[in-house]
């Protein structure tokens, strides 16, 4: 199957020249790029969160296989929906689905189902793809849109992804696509997000879900982030770092009602 972009021209430039130009500004490659197991990257419009995502992608080595885990904002399709074999189109060209690795994930995580419908309008995975193309021209992706909410499914999927990585013998990057607190003051967002990020830095997926629910933290990709942490722990992760944090208020100047963004590495 071929997925056409849903938010090109809205969340990011719709023409190749403009998109390349913007990415060349947003992504400043670090000479000492690091190999990491997983990341949390924001998924708002590039105007708002592009500097945060670009900083992150400039810090890390991106291998040829990337699993992208995103929240299902529209409630369409399977609860763990894998885009079927084929390609994703962006203004920069096409990106293949890594069908062989996708099969391994379905083998080791039976809750995953092929389902294109969940991806039809979803932006959270799509906005990561141009960044990946920009830093790794040979990238292939495994996009999984997540609509479940329980820690048991997070543990099952995370462990399954880790087993798939081990079975493949490949270098694989796991991208959890998430924004942080939504539509609160910058002060309130920072206070709440510090609680969530404390659990991320402790590599505690169960604690992350718990603290978000207990404190009403509207981290939309908390489930993808928890799944990534489970997989990373299974793959030997020992530390995490918040590489950058900002809010939409840093762009608009309005600190009264913001959306917050964090860039996190796990290695």
C-alpha atoms as a PDB file:
ATOM      1  CA  UNK A   1       0.000   0.000   0.000  1.00  0.00           C
ATOM      2  CA  UNK A   2       1.052   3.596  -0.525  1.00  0.00           C
ATOM      3  CA  UNK A   3       0.213   6.173   2.119  1.00  0.00           C
ATOM      4  CA  UNK A   4      -0.096   9.743   0.914  1.00  0.00           C
ATOM      5  CA  UNK A   5       0.748  12.503   3.390  1.00  0.00           C
ATOM      6  CA  UNK A   6      -2.156  13.768   5.485  1.00  0.00           C
ATOM      7  CA  UNK A   7      -0.637  16.919   6.991  1.00  0.00           C
ATOM      8  CA  UNK A   8       1.970  18.133   4.478  1.00  0.00           C
ATOM      9  CA  UNK A   9       1.396  21.827   3.937  1.00  0.00           C
ATOM     10  CA  UNK A  10      -0.137  22.082   7.422  1.00  0.00           C
ATOM     11  CA  UNK A  11       2.239  20.689  10.032  1.00  0.00           C
ATOM     12  CA  UNK A  12       5.270  21.057   7.769  1.00  0.00           C
ATOM     13  CA  UNK A  13       6.023  22.498   4.309  1.00  0.00           C
ATOM     14  CA  UNK A  14       4.268  20.758   1.440  1.00  0.00           C
ATOM     15  CA  UNK A  15       6.976  21.304  -1.177  1.00  0.00           C
ATOM     16  CA  UNK A  16      10.329  19.528  -1.283  1.00  0.00           C
ATOM     17  CA  UNK A  17      12.485  22.692  -1.590  1.00  0.00           C
ATOM     18  CA  UNK A  18      10.770  24.424   1.343  1.00  0.00           C
ATOM     19  CA  UNK A  19      10.847  21.291   3.479  1.00  0.00           C
ATOM     20  CA  UNK A  20      14.540  20.651   2.787  1.00  0.00           C
ATOM     21  CA  UNK A  21      15.332  24.266   3.601  1.00  0.00           C
ATOM     22  CA  UNK A  22      13.431  24.133   6.894  1.00  0.00           C
ATOM     23  CA  UNK A  23      14.974  20.822   7.933  1.00  0.00           C
ATOM     24  CA  UNK A  24      18.466  22.115   7.181  1.00  0.00           C
ATOM     25  CA  UNK A  25      17.800  24.887   9.703  1.00  0.00           C
ATOM     26  CA  UNK A  26      16.069  22.748  12.323  1.00  0.00           C
ATOM     27  CA  UNK A  27      18.582  19.861  12.303  1.00  0.00           C
ATOM     28  CA  UNK A  28      22.126  20.843  13.214  1.00  0.00           C
ATOM     29  CA  UNK A  29      24.189  17.629  13.145  1.00  0.00           C
ATOM     30  CA  UNK A  30      26.321  17.046  16.221  1.00  0.00           C
ATOM     31  CA  UNK A  31      29.814  15.820  15.247  1.00  0.00           C
ATOM     32  CA  UNK A  32      29.573  13.248  18.055  1.00  0.00           C
ATOM     33  CA  UNK A  33      26.224  11.741  17.123  1.00  0.00           C
ATOM     34  CA  UNK A  34      25.247   9.023  19.592  1.00  0.00           C
ATOM     35  CA  UNK A  35      23.790   5.598  19.096  1.00  0.00           C
ATOM     36  CA  UNK A  36      20.617   5.349  21.179  1.00  0.00           C
ATOM     37  CA  UNK A  37      17.941   2.710  21.663  1.00  0.00           C
ATOM     38  CA  UNK A  38      14.941   4.980  21.780  1.00  0.00           C
ATOM     39  CA  UNK A  39      13.765   8.570  21.821  1.00  0.00           C
ATOM     40  CA  UNK A  40      10.721  10.631  22.660  1.00  0.00           C
ATOM     41  CA  UNK A  41      10.156  13.239  19.944  1.00  0.00           C
ATOM     42  CA  UNK A  42       7.372  15.851  19.675  1.00  0.00           C
ATOM     43  CA  UNK A  43       4.847  15.866  16.846  1.00  0.00           C
ATOM     44  CA  UNK A  44       3.322  19.337  16.647  1.00  0.00           C
ATOM     45  CA  UNK A  45       3.661  21.610  13.652  1.00  0.00           C
ATOM     46  CA  UNK A  46       7.283  22.335  12.866  1.00  0.00           C
ATOM     47  CA  UNK A  47       6.657  26.010  13.669  1.00  0.00           C
ATOM     48  CA  UNK A  48       6.073  25.031  17.292  1.00  0.00           C
ATOM     49  CA  UNK A  49       8.050  21.853  18.013  1.00  0.00           C
ATOM     50  CA  UNK A  50      10.398  21.597  15.034  1.00  0.00           C
ATOM     51  CA  UNK A  51      13.374  23.033  16.912  1.00  0.00           C
ATOM     52  CA  UNK A  52      12.945  20.469  19.669  1.00  0.00           C
ATOM     53  CA  UNK A  53      12.632  17.524  17.255  1.00  0.00           C
ATOM     54  CA  UNK A  54      15.410  18.877  15.041  1.00  0.00           C
ATOM     55  CA  UNK A  55      17.775  19.208  17.998  1.00  0.00           C
ATOM     56  CA  UNK A  56      17.045  15.607  18.935  1.00  0.00           C
ATOM     57  CA  UNK A  57      17.598  14.208  15.447  1.00  0.00           C
ATOM     58  CA  UNK A  58      20.845  16.148  15.186  1.00  0.00           C
ATOM     59  CA  UNK A  59      22.167  14.406  18.300  1.00  0.00           C
ATOM     60  CA  UNK A  60      21.597  10.781  17.348  1.00  0.00           C
ATOM     61  CA  UNK A  61      22.621   8.211  14.794  1.00  0.00           C
ATOM     62  CA  UNK A  62      19.582   7.010  12.871  1.00  0.00           C
ATOM     63  CA  UNK A  63      19.935   3.430  11.599  1.00  0.00           C
ATOM     64  CA  UNK A  64      18.242   2.080   8.499  1.00  0.00           C
ATOM     65  CA  UNK A  65      15.316   0.585  10.458  1.00  0.00           C
ATOM     66  CA  UNK A  66      13.136   2.799  12.646  1.00  0.00           C
ATOM     67  CA  UNK A  67      10.026   1.777  14.564  1.00  0.00           C
ATOM     68  CA  UNK A  68       7.708   4.768  15.026  1.00  0.00           C
ATOM     69  CA  UNK A  69       5.133   4.487  17.807  1.00  0.00           C
ATOM     70  CA  UNK A  70       2.428   7.137  17.838  1.00  0.00           C
ATOM     71  CA  UNK A  71      -0.859   7.762  19.646  1.00  0.00           C
ATOM     72  CA  UNK A  72      -4.118   7.308  17.796  1.00  0.00           C
ATOM     73  CA  UNK A  73      -5.689  10.776  17.969  1.00  0.00           C
ATOM     74  CA  UNK A  74      -8.741   9.819  15.893  1.00  0.00           C
ATOM     75  CA  UNK A  75      -9.794   6.522  17.481  1.00  0.00           C
ATOM     76  CA  UNK A  76      -9.932   4.739  14.134  1.00  0.00           C
ATOM     77  CA  UNK A  77      -8.758   1.172  13.559  1.00  0.00           C
ATOM     78  CA  UNK A  78      -7.004  -1.502  15.585  1.00  0.00           C
ATOM     79  CA  UNK A  79      -5.599  -0.795  19.044  1.00  0.00           C
ATOM     80  CA  UNK A  80      -2.082  -1.610  17.847  1.00  0.00           C
ATOM     81  CA  UNK A  81      -2.246  -0.821  14.141  1.00  0.00           C
ATOM     82  CA  UNK A  82       0.749  -1.537  11.927  1.00  0.00           C
ATOM     83  CA  UNK A  83       0.765   0.029   8.485  1.00  0.00           C
ATOM     84  CA  UNK A  84       0.875  -2.799   5.873  1.00  0.00           C
ATOM     85  CA  UNK A  85       3.768  -3.406   3.506  1.00  0.00           C
ATOM     86  CA  UNK A  86       4.311  -0.620   1.024  1.00  0.00           C
ATOM     87  CA  UNK A  87       5.562   2.961   1.154  1.00  0.00           C
ATOM     88  CA  UNK A  88       4.901   6.293   2.819  1.00  0.00           C
ATOM     89  CA  UNK A  89       5.079   9.384   0.662  1.00  0.00           C
ATOM     90  CA  UNK A  90       6.375  12.753   1.867  1.00  0.00           C
ATOM     91  CA  UNK A  91       7.418  15.812  -0.147  1.00  0.00           C
ATOM     92  CA  UNK A  92      10.978  14.437   0.074  1.00  0.00           C
ATOM     93  CA  UNK A  93      10.051  11.168  -1.658  1.00  0.00           C
ATOM     94  CA  UNK A  94       9.011   7.684  -0.574  1.00  0.00           C
ATOM     95  CA  UNK A  95      10.014   5.710   2.495  1.00  0.00           C
ATOM     96  CA  UNK A  96       9.560   1.929   2.432  1.00  0.00           C
ATOM     97  CA  UNK A  97       7.882  -0.040   5.164  1.00  0.00           C
ATOM     98  CA  UNK A  98      10.388  -2.557   6.532  1.00  0.00           C
ATOM     99  CA  UNK A  99       8.125  -5.521   5.884  1.00  0.00           C
ATOM    100  CA  UNK A 100      10.546  -8.146   7.197  1.00  0.00           C
ATOM    101  CA  UNK A 101      10.950  -6.400  10.523  1.00  0.00           C
ATOM    102  CA  UNK A 102       7.225  -5.720  10.708  1.00  0.00           C
ATOM    103  CA  UNK A 103       6.626  -9.461  10.365  1.00  0.00           C
ATOM    104  CA  UNK A 104       9.018 -10.100  13.253  1.00  0.00           C
ATOM    105  CA  UNK A 105       7.120  -7.653  15.442  1.00  0.00           C
ATOM    106  CA  UNK A 106       3.800  -9.323  14.642  1.00  0.00           C
ATOM    107  CA  UNK A 107       5.363 -12.698  15.410  1.00  0.00           C
ATOM    108  CA  UNK A 108       6.640 -11.584  18.814  1.00  0.00           C
ATOM    109  CA  UNK A 109       3.782  -9.192  19.694  1.00  0.00           C
ATOM    110  CA  UNK A 110       0.513 -10.809  18.583  1.00  0.00           C
ATOM    111  CA  UNK A 111      -1.578  -7.795  19.663  1.00  0.00           C
ATOM    112  CA  UNK A 112      -0.215  -5.919  16.627  1.00  0.00           C
ATOM    113  CA  UNK A 113      -2.469  -6.047  13.558  1.00  0.00           C
ATOM    114  CA  UNK A 114      -1.991  -4.717  10.051  1.00  0.00           C
ATOM    115  CA  UNK A 115      -4.457  -1.856   9.658  1.00  0.00           C
ATOM    116  CA  UNK A 116      -4.057   1.113   7.325  1.00  0.00           C
ATOM    117  CA  UNK A 117      -7.220   2.870   8.511  1.00  0.00           C
ATOM    118  CA  UNK A 118      -5.673   3.979  11.813  1.00  0.00           C
ATOM    119  CA  UNK A 119      -2.980   5.828   9.858  1.00  0.00           C
ATOM    120  CA  UNK A 120      -5.212   7.578   7.357  1.00  0.00           C
ATOM    121  CA  UNK A 121      -5.394  10.959   9.123  1.00  0.00           C
ATOM    122  CA  UNK A 122      -2.881  10.447  11.942  1.00  0.00           C
ATOM    123  CA  UNK A 123      -0.177  13.114  12.130  1.00  0.00           C
ATOM    124  CA  UNK A 124       1.860  11.863  15.080  1.00  0.00           C
ATOM    125  CA  UNK A 125       3.831   9.323  13.059  1.00  0.00           C
ATOM    126  CA  UNK A 126       3.893  11.257   9.793  1.00  0.00           C
ATOM    127  CA  UNK A 127       5.664  14.341  11.141  1.00  0.00           C
ATOM    128  CA  UNK A 128       8.635  12.212  12.242  1.00  0.00           C
ATOM    129  CA  UNK A 129       9.257  10.834   8.753  1.00  0.00           C
ATOM    130  CA  UNK A 130      10.780  13.912   7.039  1.00  0.00           C
ATOM    131  CA  UNK A 131      13.248  14.253   9.912  1.00  0.00           C
ATOM    132  CA  UNK A 132      14.241  10.599   9.460  1.00  0.00           C
ATOM    133  CA  UNK A 133      14.601  11.038   5.699  1.00  0.00           C
ATOM    134  CA  UNK A 134      16.740  14.113   6.242  1.00  0.00           C
ATOM    135  CA  UNK A 135      19.267  12.377   8.478  1.00  0.00           C
ATOM    136  CA  UNK A 136      19.176   8.848   6.969  1.00  0.00           C
ATOM    137  CA  UNK A 137      18.412   8.667   3.265  1.00  0.00           C
ATOM    138  CA  UNK A 138      18.141   4.850   3.330  1.00  0.00           C
ATOM    139  CA  UNK A 139      15.684   4.706   6.216  1.00  0.00           C
ATOM    140  CA  UNK A 140      12.849   2.170   6.312  1.00  0.00           C
ATOM    141  CA  UNK A 141      10.079   2.471   8.868  1.00  0.00           C
ATOM    142  CA  UNK A 142       7.664   0.351  10.872  1.00  0.00           C
ATOM    143  CA  UNK A 143       4.810   2.714  11.835  1.00  0.00           C
ATOM    144  CA  UNK A 144       2.518   1.527  14.644  1.00  0.00           C
ATOM    145  CA  UNK A 145      -0.453   3.604  15.796  1.00  0.00           C
ATOM    146  CA  UNK A 146      -1.518   2.845  19.381  1.00  0.00           C
ATOM    147  CA  UNK A 147      -5.003   3.164  20.828  1.00  0.00           C
ATOM    148  CA  UNK A 148      -4.875   1.003  23.965  1.00  0.00           C
ATOM    149  CA  UNK A 149      -4.368   2.406  27.463  1.00  0.00           C
ATOM    150  CA  UNK A 150      -3.276  -0.376  29.818  1.00  0.00           C
ATOM    151  CA  UNK A 151       0.194  -1.127  31.149  1.00  0.00           C
ATOM    152  CA  UNK A 152      -0.141  -4.848  30.352  1.00  0.00           C
ATOM    153  CA  UNK A 153      -0.399  -4.120  26.620  1.00  0.00           C
ATOM    154  CA  UNK A 154       2.534  -1.700  26.893  1.00  0.00           C
ATOM    155  CA  UNK A 155       4.609  -4.441  28.484  1.00  0.00           C
ATOM    156  CA  UNK A 156       3.559  -7.050  25.930  1.00  0.00           C
ATOM    157  CA  UNK A 157       4.253  -4.813  22.933  1.00  0.00           C
ATOM    158  CA  UNK A 158       7.502  -3.434  24.317  1.00  0.00           C
ATOM    159  CA  UNK A 159       8.803  -6.910  25.089  1.00  0.00           C
ATOM    160  CA  UNK A 160       7.716  -8.110  21.644  1.00  0.00           C
ATOM    161  CA  UNK A 161       9.552  -5.265  19.913  1.00  0.00           C
ATOM    162  CA  UNK A 162      12.665  -6.051  21.931  1.00  0.00           C
ATOM    163  CA  UNK A 163      12.478  -9.729  20.950  1.00  0.00           C
ATOM    164  CA  UNK A 164      12.061  -8.720  17.309  1.00  0.00           C
ATOM    165  CA  UNK A 165      15.144  -6.511  17.510  1.00  0.00           C
ATOM    166  CA  UNK A 166      17.146  -9.320  19.103  1.00  0.00           C
ATOM    167  CA  UNK A 167      15.954 -11.835  16.509  1.00  0.00           C
ATOM    168  CA  UNK A 168      16.806  -9.516  13.629  1.00  0.00           C
ATOM    169  CA  UNK A 169      20.346  -8.792  14.743  1.00  0.00           C
ATOM    170  CA  UNK A 170      19.910  -5.242  13.408  1.00  0.00           C
ATOM    171  CA  UNK A 171      20.376  -1.787  14.805  1.00  0.00           C
ATOM    172  CA  UNK A 172      16.887  -0.409  15.308  1.00  0.00           C
ATOM    173  CA  UNK A 173      15.762   2.967  16.627  1.00  0.00           C
ATOM    174  CA  UNK A 174      12.437   3.183  18.492  1.00  0.00           C
ATOM    175  CA  UNK A 175      10.779   6.592  18.207  1.00  0.00           C
ATOM    176  CA  UNK A 176       7.956   7.369  20.630  1.00  0.00           C
ATOM    177  CA  UNK A 177       6.020  10.312  19.231  1.00  0.00           C
ATOM    178  CA  UNK A 178       4.582  12.514  21.971  1.00  0.00           C
ATOM    179  CA  UNK A 179       3.866  16.053  23.005  1.00  0.00           C
ATOM    180  CA  UNK A 180       3.730  16.872  26.701  1.00  0.00           C
ATOM    181  CA  UNK A 181       1.107  18.869  28.641  1.00  0.00           C
ATOM    182  CA  UNK A 182      -1.622  20.505  26.543  1.00  0.00           C
ATOM    183  CA  UNK A 183      -3.433  23.824  27.034  1.00  0.00           C
ATOM    184  CA  UNK A 184      -2.282  24.875  30.473  1.00  0.00           C
ATOM    185  CA  UNK A 185      -0.073  27.742  31.567  1.00  0.00           C
ATOM    186  CA  UNK A 186       3.629  27.310  30.890  1.00  0.00           C
ATOM    187  CA  UNK A 187       4.237  27.210  34.651  1.00  0.00           C
ATOM    188  CA  UNK A 188       1.647  24.494  35.219  1.00  0.00           C
ATOM    189  CA  UNK A 189       2.878  22.518  32.206  1.00  0.00           C
ATOM    190  CA  UNK A 190       6.457  22.584  33.438  1.00  0.00           C
ATOM    191  CA  UNK A 191       5.441  21.481  36.917  1.00  0.00           C
ATOM    192  CA  UNK A 192       3.420  18.553  35.610  1.00  0.00           C
ATOM    193  CA  UNK A 193       5.886  17.579  32.905  1.00  0.00           C
ATOM    194  CA  UNK A 194       8.704  17.451  35.423  1.00  0.00           C
ATOM    195  CA  UNK A 195       6.743  14.728  37.214  1.00  0.00           C
ATOM    196  CA  UNK A 196       6.323  12.720  34.010  1.00  0.00           C
ATOM    197  CA  UNK A 197       9.906  13.211  32.867  1.00  0.00           C
ATOM    198  CA  UNK A 198      11.159  12.134  36.288  1.00  0.00           C
ATOM    199  CA  UNK A 199       9.621   8.716  35.617  1.00  0.00           C
ATOM    200  CA  UNK A 200      11.069   8.637  32.109  1.00  0.00           C
ATOM    201  CA  UNK A 201      14.539   9.395  33.464  1.00  0.00           C
ATOM    202  CA  UNK A 202      14.043   6.617  36.015  1.00  0.00           C
ATOM    203  CA  UNK A 203      13.218   4.257  33.103  1.00  0.00           C
ATOM    204  CA  UNK A 204       9.920   3.483  34.797  1.00  0.00           C
ATOM    205  CA  UNK A 205       7.144   2.880  32.231  1.00  0.00           C
ATOM    206  CA  UNK A 206       4.565   1.849  34.828  1.00  0.00           C
ATOM    207  CA  UNK A 207       5.408   4.890  36.922  1.00  0.00           C
ATOM    208  CA  UNK A 208       5.050   7.124  33.868  1.00  0.00           C
ATOM    209  CA  UNK A 209       1.505   5.923  33.183  1.00  0.00           C
ATOM    210  CA  UNK A 210       0.614   6.144  36.859  1.00  0.00           C
ATOM    211  CA  UNK A 211       1.913   9.673  37.419  1.00  0.00           C
ATOM    212  CA  UNK A 212       0.218  10.975  34.265  1.00  0.00           C
ATOM    213  CA  UNK A 213      -3.134   9.555  35.303  1.00  0.00           C
ATOM    214  CA  UNK A 214      -2.824  10.585  38.934  1.00  0.00           C
ATOM    215  CA  UNK A 215      -1.908  14.168  38.086  1.00  0.00           C
ATOM    216  CA  UNK A 216      -3.983  14.703  34.944  1.00  0.00           C
ATOM    217  CA  UNK A 217      -0.897  15.115  32.757  1.00  0.00           C
ATOM    218  CA  UNK A 218      -2.057  15.354  29.142  1.00  0.00           C
ATOM    219  CA  UNK A 219       1.003  13.738  27.564  1.00  0.00           C
ATOM    220  CA  UNK A 220      -0.690  12.424  24.428  1.00  0.00           C
ATOM    221  CA  UNK A 221       2.040   9.890  23.637  1.00  0.00           C
ATOM    222  CA  UNK A 222       2.342   8.454  27.122  1.00  0.00           C
ATOM    223  CA  UNK A 223       1.465   4.963  25.823  1.00  0.00           C
ATOM    224  CA  UNK A 224       4.031   5.022  22.967  1.00  0.00           C
ATOM    225  CA  UNK A 225       6.592   6.368  25.437  1.00  0.00           C
ATOM    226  CA  UNK A 226       5.860   3.594  27.932  1.00  0.00           C
ATOM    227  CA  UNK A 227       6.132   0.951  25.190  1.00  0.00           C
ATOM    228  CA  UNK A 228       9.464   2.417  24.075  1.00  0.00           C
ATOM    229  CA  UNK A 229      10.762   2.335  27.665  1.00  0.00           C
ATOM    230  CA  UNK A 230       9.728  -1.303  28.108  1.00  0.00           C
ATOM    231  CA  UNK A 231      11.514  -2.266  24.884  1.00  0.00           C
ATOM    232  CA  UNK A 232      14.582  -0.199  25.742  1.00  0.00           C
ATOM    233  CA  UNK A 233      14.899  -1.836  29.159  1.00  0.00           C
ATOM    234  CA  UNK A 234      14.675  -5.280  27.561  1.00  0.00           C
ATOM    235  CA  UNK A 235      17.443  -4.199  25.169  1.00  0.00           C
ATOM    236  CA  UNK A 236      19.748  -3.113  27.988  1.00  0.00           C
ATOM    237  CA  UNK A 237      19.002   0.589  28.431  1.00  0.00           C
ATOM    238  CA  UNK A 238      20.657   2.094  31.479  1.00  0.00           C
ATOM    239  CA  UNK A 239      20.054   5.832  31.220  1.00  0.00           C
ATOM    240  CA  UNK A 240      17.836   8.510  29.754  1.00  0.00           C
ATOM    241  CA  UNK A 241      18.289  12.232  29.268  1.00  0.00           C
ATOM    242  CA  UNK A 242      16.016  15.172  28.556  1.00  0.00           C
ATOM    243  CA  UNK A 243      17.872  16.889  25.738  1.00  0.00           C
ATOM    244  CA  UNK A 244      15.544  19.868  25.370  1.00  0.00           C
ATOM    245  CA  UNK A 245      12.200  21.152  26.656  1.00  0.00           C
ATOM    246  CA  UNK A 246      10.085  24.053  25.398  1.00  0.00           C
ATOM    247  CA  UNK A 247       6.502  25.166  24.898  1.00  0.00           C
ATOM    248  CA  UNK A 248       4.452  26.775  22.174  1.00  0.00           C
ATOM    249  CA  UNK A 249       4.585  29.925  24.291  1.00  0.00           C
ATOM    250  CA  UNK A 250       8.268  30.247  23.442  1.00  0.00           C
ATOM    251  CA  UNK A 251       7.122  30.816  19.847  1.00  0.00           C
ATOM    252  CA  UNK A 252       3.890  32.749  20.318  1.00  0.00           C
ATOM    253  CA  UNK A 253       4.832  34.694  23.441  1.00  0.00           C
ATOM    254  CA  UNK A 254       1.578  33.609  25.104  1.00  0.00           C
ATOM    255  CA  UNK A 255       2.448  31.696  28.273  1.00  0.00           C
ATOM    256  CA  UNK A 256      -1.143  31.409  29.494  1.00  0.00           C
ATOM    257  CA  UNK A 257      -2.157  28.349  27.478  1.00  0.00           C
ATOM    258  CA  UNK A 258       0.605  26.314  25.892  1.00  0.00           C
ATOM    259  CA  UNK A 259       1.473  22.905  24.523  1.00  0.00           C
ATOM    260  CA  UNK A 260       4.778  21.585  25.820  1.00  0.00           C
ATOM    261  CA  UNK A 261       7.424  19.512  24.035  1.00  0.00           C
ATOM    262  CA  UNK A 262      10.347  17.390  25.203  1.00  0.00           C
ATOM    263  CA  UNK A 263      13.199  15.651  23.414  1.00  0.00           C
ATOM    264  CA  UNK A 264      14.415  12.572  25.280  1.00  0.00           C
ATOM    265  CA  UNK A 265      17.115  10.014  24.509  1.00  0.00           C
ATOM    266  CA  UNK A 266      17.353   6.510  25.998  1.00  0.00           C
ATOM    267  CA  UNK A 267      20.598   4.559  25.688  1.00  0.00           C
END
